[in-house]
Amino acid sequence: MAKDQTKKCAHLPCVCVPANDEKYCSQHCKDAGSEEAEIACDCGHPACAK
């Protein structure tokens, strides 16, 4: 991945960008992991709000 590209949260339905070197943007996404069962993310961040 190029340095200028933004890393997306590892939770597949999430479109947020995690802080610093984190893999997930929130505890919700960390708990959900990389499962594909969700079609929408409920992390609570504006990017994922319905």
PDB file of N, CA and C in Angstrom:
ATOM      1  N   MET A   1       0.846  -1.176   0.000  1.00  0.00           N
ATOM      2  CA  MET A   1       0.000   0.000   0.000  1.00  0.00           C
ATOM      3  C   MET A   1       0.891   1.238   0.000  1.00  0.00           C
ATOM      4  N   ALA A   2       0.582   2.185  -0.821  1.00  0.00           N
ATOM      5  CA  ALA A   2       1.368   3.406  -0.899  1.00  0.00           C
ATOM      6  C   ALA A   2       1.169   4.251   0.354  1.00  0.00           C
ATOM      7  N   LYS A   3       2.161   5.044   0.691  1.00  0.00           N
ATOM      8  CA  LYS A   3       2.098   5.853   1.901  1.00  0.00           C
ATOM      9  C   LYS A   3       0.935   6.840   1.901  1.00  0.00           C
ATOM     10  N   ASP A   4       0.535   7.337   0.754  1.00  0.00           N
ATOM     11  CA  ASP A   4      -0.520   8.345   0.702  1.00  0.00           C
ATOM     12  C   ASP A   4      -1.925   7.752   0.717  1.00  0.00           C
ATOM     13  N   GLN A   5      -2.056   6.434   0.704  1.00  0.00           N
ATOM     14  CA  GLN A   5      -3.365   5.808   0.767  1.00  0.00           C
ATOM     15  C   GLN A   5      -3.788   5.659   2.218  1.00  0.00           C
ATOM     16  N   THR A   6      -5.085   5.792   2.464  1.00  0.00           N
ATOM     17  CA  THR A   6      -5.617   5.697   3.807  1.00  0.00           C
ATOM     18  C   THR A   6      -6.025   4.267   4.109  1.00  0.00           C
ATOM     19  N   LYS A   7      -5.699   3.800   5.299  1.00  0.00           N
ATOM     20  CA  LYS A   7      -6.028   2.442   5.709  1.00  0.00           C
ATOM     21  C   LYS A   7      -7.444   2.424   6.289  1.00  0.00           C
ATOM     22  N   LYS A   8      -8.270   1.512   5.807  1.00  0.00           N
ATOM     23  CA  LYS A   8      -9.649   1.352   6.261  1.00  0.00           C
ATOM     24  C   LYS A   8      -9.692   0.411   7.448  1.00  0.00           C
ATOM     25  N   CYS A   9     -10.700   0.589   8.285  1.00  0.00           N
ATOM     26  CA  CYS A   9     -10.938  -0.304   9.418  1.00  0.00           C
ATOM     27  C   CYS A   9     -11.018  -1.755   8.928  1.00  0.00           C
ATOM     28  N   ALA A  10     -10.505  -2.690   9.723  1.00  0.00           N
ATOM     29  CA  ALA A  10     -10.481  -4.101   9.340  1.00  0.00           C
ATOM     30  C   ALA A  10     -11.847  -4.778   9.397  1.00  0.00           C
ATOM     31  N   HIS A  11     -12.826  -4.133  10.042  1.00  0.00           N
ATOM     32  CA  HIS A  11     -14.188  -4.672  10.058  1.00  0.00           C
ATOM     33  C   HIS A  11     -14.793  -4.372   8.688  1.00  0.00           C
ATOM     34  N   LEU A  12     -15.087  -5.399   7.920  1.00  0.00           N
ATOM     35  CA  LEU A  12     -15.452  -5.250   6.506  1.00  0.00           C
ATOM     36  C   LEU A  12     -16.559  -4.244   6.200  1.00  0.00           C
ATOM     37  N   PRO A  13     -17.683  -4.207   6.923  1.00  0.00           N
ATOM     38  CA  PRO A  13     -18.716  -3.235   6.561  1.00  0.00           C
ATOM     39  C   PRO A  13     -18.372  -1.792   6.957  1.00  0.00           C
ATOM     40  N   CYS A  14     -17.344  -1.592   7.752  1.00  0.00           N
ATOM     41  CA  CYS A  14     -16.979  -0.266   8.251  1.00  0.00           C
ATOM     42  C   CYS A  14     -16.173   0.503   7.208  1.00  0.00           C
ATOM     43  N   VAL A  15     -16.444   1.800   7.108  1.00  0.00           N
ATOM     44  CA  VAL A  15     -15.718   2.650   6.162  1.00  0.00           C
ATOM     45  C   VAL A  15     -14.823   3.663   6.871  1.00  0.00           C
ATOM     46  N   CYS A  16     -14.698   3.553   8.184  1.00  0.00           N
ATOM     47  CA  CYS A  16     -13.890   4.484   8.975  1.00  0.00           C
ATOM     48  C   CYS A  16     -12.395   4.234   8.810  1.00  0.00           C
ATOM     49  N   VAL A  17     -11.624   5.226   9.200  1.00  0.00           N
ATOM     50  CA  VAL A  17     -10.175   5.129   9.200  1.00  0.00           C
ATOM     51  C   VAL A  17      -9.728   5.032  10.650  1.00  0.00           C
ATOM     52  N   PRO A  18      -9.047   3.964  11.027  1.00  0.00           N
ATOM     53  CA  PRO A  18      -8.578   3.816  12.402  1.00  0.00           C
ATOM     54  C   PRO A  18      -7.483   4.824  12.752  1.00  0.00           C
ATOM     55  N   ALA A  19      -7.392   5.165  14.026  1.00  0.00           N
ATOM     56  CA  ALA A  19      -6.366   6.097  14.490  1.00  0.00           C
ATOM     57  C   ALA A  19      -4.996   5.430  14.490  1.00  0.00           C
ATOM     58  N   ASN A  20      -3.983   6.205  14.170  1.00  0.00           N
ATOM     59  CA  ASN A  20      -2.578   5.769  14.218  1.00  0.00           C
ATOM     60  C   ASN A  20      -2.373   4.402  13.583  1.00  0.00           C
ATOM     61  N   ASP A  21      -1.806   3.479  14.315  1.00  0.00           N
ATOM     62  CA  ASP A  21      -1.499   2.154  13.778  1.00  0.00           C
ATOM     63  C   ASP A  21      -2.521   1.109  14.190  1.00  0.00           C
ATOM     64  N   GLU A  22      -3.712   1.538  14.561  1.00  0.00           N
ATOM     65  CA  GLU A  22      -4.762   0.618  14.986  1.00  0.00           C
ATOM     66  C   GLU A  22      -5.319  -0.136  13.784  1.00  0.00           C
ATOM     67  N   LYS A  23      -5.840  -1.323  14.036  1.00  0.00           N
ATOM     68  CA  LYS A  23      -6.455  -2.138  12.983  1.00  0.00           C
ATOM     69  C   LYS A  23      -7.953  -1.815  12.861  1.00  0.00           C
ATOM     70  N   TYR A  24      -8.578  -1.456  13.982  1.00  0.00           N
ATOM     71  CA  TYR A  24     -10.010  -1.159  14.037  1.00  0.00           C
ATOM     72  C   TYR A  24     -10.240   0.273  14.509  1.00  0.00           C
ATOM     73  N   CYS A  25     -11.355   0.871  14.118  1.00  0.00           N
ATOM     74  CA  CYS A  25     -11.653   2.254  14.492  1.00  0.00           C
ATOM     75  C   CYS A  25     -12.324   2.376  15.850  1.00  0.00           C
ATOM     76  N   SER A  26     -12.874   1.278  16.357  1.00  0.00           N
ATOM     77  CA  SER A  26     -13.613   1.341  17.616  1.00  0.00           C
ATOM     78  C   SER A  26     -13.655  -0.027  18.284  1.00  0.00           C
ATOM     79  N   GLN A  27     -14.094  -0.049  19.531  1.00  0.00           N
ATOM     80  CA  GLN A  27     -14.244  -1.317  20.249  1.00  0.00           C
ATOM     81  C   GLN A  27     -15.332  -2.160  19.587  1.00  0.00           C
ATOM     82  N   HIS A  28     -16.383  -1.522  19.083  1.00  0.00           N
ATOM     83  CA  HIS A  28     -17.455  -2.250  18.390  1.00  0.00           C
ATOM     84  C   HIS A  28     -16.872  -3.058  17.226  1.00  0.00           C
ATOM     85  N   CYS A  29     -16.051  -2.421  16.422  1.00  0.00           N
ATOM     86  CA  CYS A  29     -15.466  -3.096  15.265  1.00  0.00           C
ATOM     87  C   CYS A  29     -14.468  -4.160  15.695  1.00  0.00           C
ATOM     88  N   LYS A  30     -13.719  -3.887  16.745  1.00  0.00           N
ATOM     89  CA  LYS A  30     -12.769  -4.876  17.247  1.00  0.00           C
ATOM     90  C   LYS A  30     -13.514  -6.125  17.719  1.00  0.00           C
ATOM     91  N   ASP A  31     -14.624  -5.932  18.429  1.00  0.00           N
ATOM     92  CA  ASP A  31     -15.418  -7.061  18.907  1.00  0.00           C
ATOM     93  C   ASP A  31     -16.040  -7.844  17.753  1.00  0.00           C
ATOM     94  N   ALA A  32     -16.445  -7.131  16.700  1.00  0.00           N
ATOM     95  CA  ALA A  32     -17.058  -7.781  15.538  1.00  0.00           C
ATOM     96  C   ALA A  32     -16.012  -8.479  14.676  1.00  0.00           C
ATOM     97  N   GLY A  33     -14.776  -8.007  14.732  1.00  0.00           N
ATOM     98  CA  GLY A  33     -13.699  -8.610  13.948  1.00  0.00           C
ATOM     99  C   GLY A  33     -13.877  -8.393  12.462  1.00  0.00           C
ATOM    100  N   SER A  34     -13.428  -9.332  11.680  1.00  0.00           N
ATOM    101  CA  SER A  34     -13.512  -9.193  10.222  1.00  0.00           C
ATOM    102  C   SER A  34     -14.676  -9.997   9.649  1.00  0.00           C
ATOM    103  N   GLU A  35     -15.649 -10.309  10.494  1.00  0.00           N
ATOM    104  CA  GLU A  35     -16.796 -11.095  10.015  1.00  0.00           C
ATOM    105  C   GLU A  35     -17.603 -10.329   8.975  1.00  0.00           C
ATOM    106  N   GLU A  36     -18.191 -11.045   8.061  1.00  0.00           N
ATOM    107  CA  GLU A  36     -18.938 -10.442   6.969  1.00  0.00           C
ATOM    108  C   GLU A  36     -20.445 -10.464   7.202  1.00  0.00           C
ATOM    109  N   ALA A  37     -20.900 -10.955   8.358  1.00  0.00           N
ATOM    110  CA  ALA A  37     -22.326 -11.142   8.603  1.00  0.00           C
ATOM    111  C   ALA A  37     -23.105  -9.826   8.604  1.00  0.00           C
ATOM    112  N   GLU A  38     -22.482  -8.740   9.008  1.00  0.00           N
ATOM    113  CA  GLU A  38     -23.161  -7.450   9.043  1.00  0.00           C
ATOM    114  C   GLU A  38     -23.148  -6.808   7.660  1.00  0.00           C
ATOM    115  N   ILE A  39     -24.238  -6.128   7.325  1.00  0.00           N
ATOM    116  CA  ILE A  39     -24.258  -5.385   6.066  1.00  0.00           C
ATOM    117  C   ILE A  39     -24.096  -3.894   6.314  1.00  0.00           C
ATOM    118  N   ALA A  40     -24.199  -3.488   7.575  1.00  0.00           N
ATOM    119  CA  ALA A  40     -23.985  -2.104   7.956  1.00  0.00           C
ATOM    120  C   ALA A  40     -23.177  -2.092   9.243  1.00  0.00           C
ATOM    121  N   CYS A  41     -22.386  -1.074   9.420  1.00  0.00           N
ATOM    122  CA  CYS A  41     -21.557  -0.970  10.616  1.00  0.00           C
ATOM    123  C   CYS A  41     -22.255  -0.078  11.644  1.00  0.00           C
ATOM    124  N   ASP A  42     -22.224  -0.491  12.903  1.00  0.00           N
ATOM    125  CA  ASP A  42     -22.837   0.281  13.980  1.00  0.00           C
ATOM    126  C   ASP A  42     -21.796   0.817  14.948  1.00  0.00           C
ATOM    127  N   CYS A  43     -20.654   1.242  14.436  1.00  0.00           N
ATOM    128  CA  CYS A  43     -19.587   1.734  15.313  1.00  0.00           C
ATOM    129  C   CYS A  43     -19.925   3.080  15.929  1.00  0.00           C
ATOM    130  N   GLY A  44     -20.862   3.812  15.342  1.00  0.00           N
ATOM    131  CA  GLY A  44     -21.270   5.094  15.882  1.00  0.00           C
ATOM    132  C   GLY A  44     -20.558   6.302  15.283  1.00  0.00           C
ATOM    133  N   HIS A  45     -19.602   6.086  14.433  1.00  0.00           N
ATOM    134  CA  HIS A  45     -18.895   7.202  13.798  1.00  0.00           C
ATOM    135  C   HIS A  45     -19.716   7.779  12.647  1.00  0.00           C
ATOM    136  N   PRO A  46     -19.580   9.067  12.363  1.00  0.00           N
ATOM    137  CA  PRO A  46     -20.372   9.713  11.307  1.00  0.00           C
ATOM    138  C   PRO A  46     -20.268   9.046   9.934  1.00  0.00           C
ATOM    139  N   ALA A  47     -19.106   8.515   9.591  1.00  0.00           N
ATOM    140  CA  ALA A  47     -18.926   7.882   8.279  1.00  0.00           C
ATOM    141  C   ALA A  47     -19.829   6.645   8.108  1.00  0.00           C
ATOM    142  N   CYS A  48     -20.174   6.002   9.214  1.00  0.00           N
ATOM    143  CA  CYS A  48     -20.984   4.793   9.142  1.00  0.00           C
ATOM    144  C   CYS A  48     -22.438   5.028   9.566  1.00  0.00           C
ATOM    145  N   ALA A  49     -22.767   6.240   9.961  1.00  0.00           N
ATOM    146  CA  ALA A  49     -24.139   6.535  10.394  1.00  0.00           C
ATOM    147  C   ALA A  49     -25.112   6.374   9.234  1.00  0.00           C
ATOM    148  N   LYS A  50     -26.270   5.878   9.560  1.00  0.00           N
ATOM    149  CA  LYS A  50     -27.285   5.638   8.529  1.00  0.00           C
ATOM    150  C   LYS A  50     -28.011   6.894   8.168  1.00  0.00           C
TER     151      LYS A  50
END
